[in-house]
Amino acid sequence: MLDRDLAKVYGVSTGRLNEQIKRNKSRFPEDFAFRLTKAEADSLISQNATSSSGHGGYRKLPIAFTEHGAVAAAFVLNSPVAVSASIQIVRAFNRLRRMALGHKDLAVALAELARKVRGHDEQFKIVFETLRDLMTPPPDPPIQPRRRIGFAPPKPS
C-alpha cells in the first residue's frame, strides 16, 4: 500500500505519515516499508493515469508499506482513526490465528494444494507461506516472576 493511500485510511496527511516514518525509522525495516524506485513510480503513474510531477504529481518517490508496515504505521500515528485501526488490526490477526488453529483440516488441505501447485507460480508460494505463518501460533512470552510490593512482615525466628 502506498503512503498516500495509507494516510487516507488513517485520516492523516501523507506528509504527517512520512514524517512519523522518518522519526521512527527503526520501526520500519525494509520488509515493512521501502521507498519506490523512479522506474516503479513511473510505472504507477502510467498505470493509474496520475498527473506528472510538474503538475501536482510526486515531489518525492512514494513509500510502499507491507501489511506489517501498515500495522507499525498505525502504532506511530496518534490520530483517533490510527489508534482505532491498530486495535482492530491486532484483533483481526488474533481472530485469524485462532480460526486457523481451530481448523487442522484447513492446514492439511492447504498442504495438499501447495503440493499440487508447486512450481506453477511464485506468487502462490508467497500466499502459502503467509498462510502458514498465520497458522503458526506465536511463542509464549517468557514469564518473569513478579516483584512483591508493600510491607513484608518479619519472618518468625
Protein backbone atom coordinates (compact mmCIF):
# COMPACT_ATOMS: atom_id res chain seq x y z
CA MET A 1 0.00 0.00 0.00
CA LEU A 2 1.38 3.43 -0.88
CA ASP A 3 1.91 6.17 1.68
CA ARG A 4 -0.83 8.37 0.23
CA ASP A 5 -3.39 5.55 0.46
CA LEU A 6 -2.37 4.55 3.97
CA ALA A 7 -2.53 8.20 5.08
CA LYS A 8 -6.14 8.36 3.85
CA VAL A 9 -7.01 5.18 5.74
CA TYR A 10 -5.56 6.60 8.97
CA GLY A 11 -7.02 10.07 8.50
CA VAL A 12 -3.72 11.97 8.35
CA SER A 13 -1.87 13.82 5.61
CA THR A 14 0.77 11.99 3.59
CA GLY A 15 3.34 14.45 4.91
CA ARG A 16 2.41 13.65 8.51
CA LEU A 17 2.62 9.91 7.86
CA ASN A 18 6.03 10.21 6.19
CA GLU A 19 7.25 12.48 8.99
CA GLN A 20 6.40 9.83 11.59
CA ILE A 21 8.02 7.11 9.48
CA LYS A 22 11.19 9.21 9.30
CA ARG A 23 11.16 9.88 13.06
CA ASN A 24 10.61 6.19 13.85
CA LYS A 25 12.91 4.72 11.21
CA SER A 26 13.98 1.81 13.43
CA ARG A 27 10.38 0.52 13.46
CA PHE A 28 10.29 0.25 9.67
CA PRO A 29 12.88 -2.17 8.29
CA GLU A 30 12.96 -2.83 4.53
CA ASP A 31 10.43 -5.65 4.80
CA PHE A 32 7.92 -3.25 6.43
CA ALA A 33 8.31 -0.13 4.29
CA PHE A 34 10.51 0.98 1.42
CA ARG A 35 10.74 3.90 -0.98
CA LEU A 36 9.84 3.06 -4.57
CA THR A 37 12.45 3.48 -7.28
CA LYS A 38 11.97 6.06 -10.04
CA ALA A 39 11.10 3.27 -12.50
CA GLU A 40 8.48 1.80 -10.12
CA ALA A 41 6.92 5.22 -9.51
CA ASP A 42 6.86 5.94 -13.26
CA SER A 43 5.16 2.59 -13.81
CA LEU A 44 2.49 3.52 -11.26
CA ILE A 45 1.91 6.86 -12.96
CA SER A 46 1.39 5.24 -16.34
CA GLN A 47 -0.89 2.54 -14.87
CA ASN A 48 -3.03 4.94 -12.84
CA ALA A 49 -3.09 7.92 -15.19
CA THR A 50 -1.71 10.15 -12.43
CA SER A 51 -0.52 13.63 -13.34
CA SER A 52 3.16 14.26 -14.00
CA SER A 53 5.48 15.60 -11.30
CA GLY A 54 5.34 19.08 -12.87
CA HIS A 55 1.54 19.18 -12.49
CA GLY A 56 0.79 18.05 -8.97
CA GLY A 57 2.37 14.58 -9.06
CA TYR A 58 5.04 13.18 -6.72
CA ARG A 59 7.67 15.55 -5.34
CA LYS A 60 9.35 12.62 -3.58
CA LEU A 61 9.18 8.99 -4.50
CA PRO A 62 6.34 7.31 -2.58
CA ILE A 63 6.84 4.85 0.25
CA ALA A 64 5.27 1.40 -0.10
CA PHE A 65 4.11 -0.47 3.02
CA THR A 66 3.73 -4.20 3.53
CA GLU A 67 0.97 -5.42 5.87
CA HIS A 68 3.46 -5.33 8.76
CA GLY A 69 4.45 -1.78 7.86
CA ALA A 70 0.81 -0.69 7.79
CA VAL A 71 0.36 -2.06 11.30
CA ALA A 72 3.56 -0.40 12.51
CA ALA A 73 2.39 2.91 11.00
CA ALA A 74 -0.83 2.70 12.99
CA PHE A 75 1.23 2.46 16.17
CA VAL A 76 3.35 5.56 15.47
CA LEU A 77 0.47 7.77 14.38
CA ASN A 78 -1.64 9.47 17.00
CA SER A 79 -4.84 10.15 15.08
CA PRO A 80 -8.03 8.65 16.55
CA VAL A 81 -8.52 6.64 13.35
CA ALA A 82 -4.99 5.18 13.54
CA VAL A 83 -5.42 4.21 17.20
CA SER A 84 -8.73 2.53 16.45
CA ALA A 85 -7.30 0.85 13.34
CA SER A 86 -4.29 -0.54 15.23
CA ILE A 87 -6.62 -2.13 17.78
CA GLN A 88 -8.80 -3.59 15.02
CA ILE A 89 -5.76 -4.92 13.14
CA VAL A 90 -4.44 -6.73 16.22
CA ARG A 91 -7.90 -8.19 16.89
CA ALA A 92 -8.25 -9.30 13.27
CA PHE A 93 -4.87 -11.07 13.30
CA ASN A 94 -5.71 -12.78 16.59
CA ARG A 95 -9.08 -13.89 15.24
CA LEU A 96 -7.44 -15.18 12.06
CA ARG A 97 -4.84 -17.10 14.04
CA ARG A 98 -7.50 -18.68 16.29
CA MET A 99 -9.54 -19.66 13.24
CA ALA A 100 -6.52 -21.20 11.56
CA LEU A 101 -5.53 -23.13 14.69
CA GLY A 102 -9.07 -24.42 15.03
CA HIS A 103 -9.10 -25.82 11.52
CA LYS A 104 -6.47 -28.52 11.28
CA ASP A 105 -8.23 -29.85 8.16
CA LEU A 106 -7.58 -26.47 6.56
CA ALA A 107 -3.85 -26.96 7.16
CA VAL A 108 -3.99 -30.39 5.53
CA ALA A 109 -5.95 -29.03 2.55
CA LEU A 110 -3.51 -26.13 2.25
CA ALA A 111 -0.54 -28.50 2.20
CA GLU A 112 -2.26 -30.63 -0.46
CA LEU A 113 -3.00 -27.57 -2.60
CA ALA A 114 0.56 -26.29 -2.19
CA ARG A 115 1.89 -29.67 -3.35
CA LYS A 116 -0.35 -29.61 -6.47
CA VAL A 117 0.52 -26.02 -7.39
CA ARG A 118 4.26 -26.36 -6.65
CA GLY A 119 6.39 -24.89 -9.42
CA HIS A 120 3.49 -23.19 -11.20
CA ASP A 121 3.63 -19.72 -9.79
CA GLU A 122 5.94 -17.87 -7.43
CA GLN A 123 3.07 -15.75 -6.10
CA PHE A 124 1.22 -18.85 -4.88
CA LYS A 125 4.33 -19.75 -2.92
CA ILE A 126 4.20 -16.39 -1.14
CA VAL A 127 0.49 -16.84 -0.37
CA PHE A 128 1.06 -20.32 1.07
CA GLU A 129 3.99 -19.14 3.19
CA THR A 130 1.93 -16.24 4.55
CA LEU A 131 -0.98 -18.54 5.40
CA ARG A 132 1.37 -20.97 7.16
CA ASP A 133 2.87 -18.09 9.15
CA LEU A 134 -0.61 -17.00 10.22
CA MET A 135 -1.44 -20.54 11.30
CA THR A 136 1.67 -20.82 13.45
CA PRO A 137 0.92 -19.71 17.00
CA PRO A 138 3.25 -17.07 18.39
CA PRO A 139 5.70 -18.21 21.05
CA ASP A 140 4.58 -17.65 24.60
CA PRO A 141 6.26 -14.66 26.18
CA PRO A 142 8.72 -15.53 28.93
CA ILE A 143 7.13 -15.44 32.35
CA GLN A 144 9.02 -13.23 34.73
CA PRO A 145 8.50 -13.51 38.48
CA ARG A 146 6.59 -10.58 39.90
CA ARG A 147 8.26 -8.42 42.47
CA ARG A 148 6.16 -8.11 45.60
CA ILE A 149 5.13 -4.61 46.52
CA GLY A 150 4.35 -3.42 50.01
CA PHE A 151 5.21 -4.24 53.55
CA ALA A 152 6.62 -7.68 54.29
CA PRO A 153 6.07 -8.85 57.85
CA PRO A 154 9.20 -10.06 59.64
CA LYS A 155 9.91 -13.76 59.33
CA PRO A 156 9.42 -15.69 62.55
CA SER A 157 12.65 -16.79 64.15
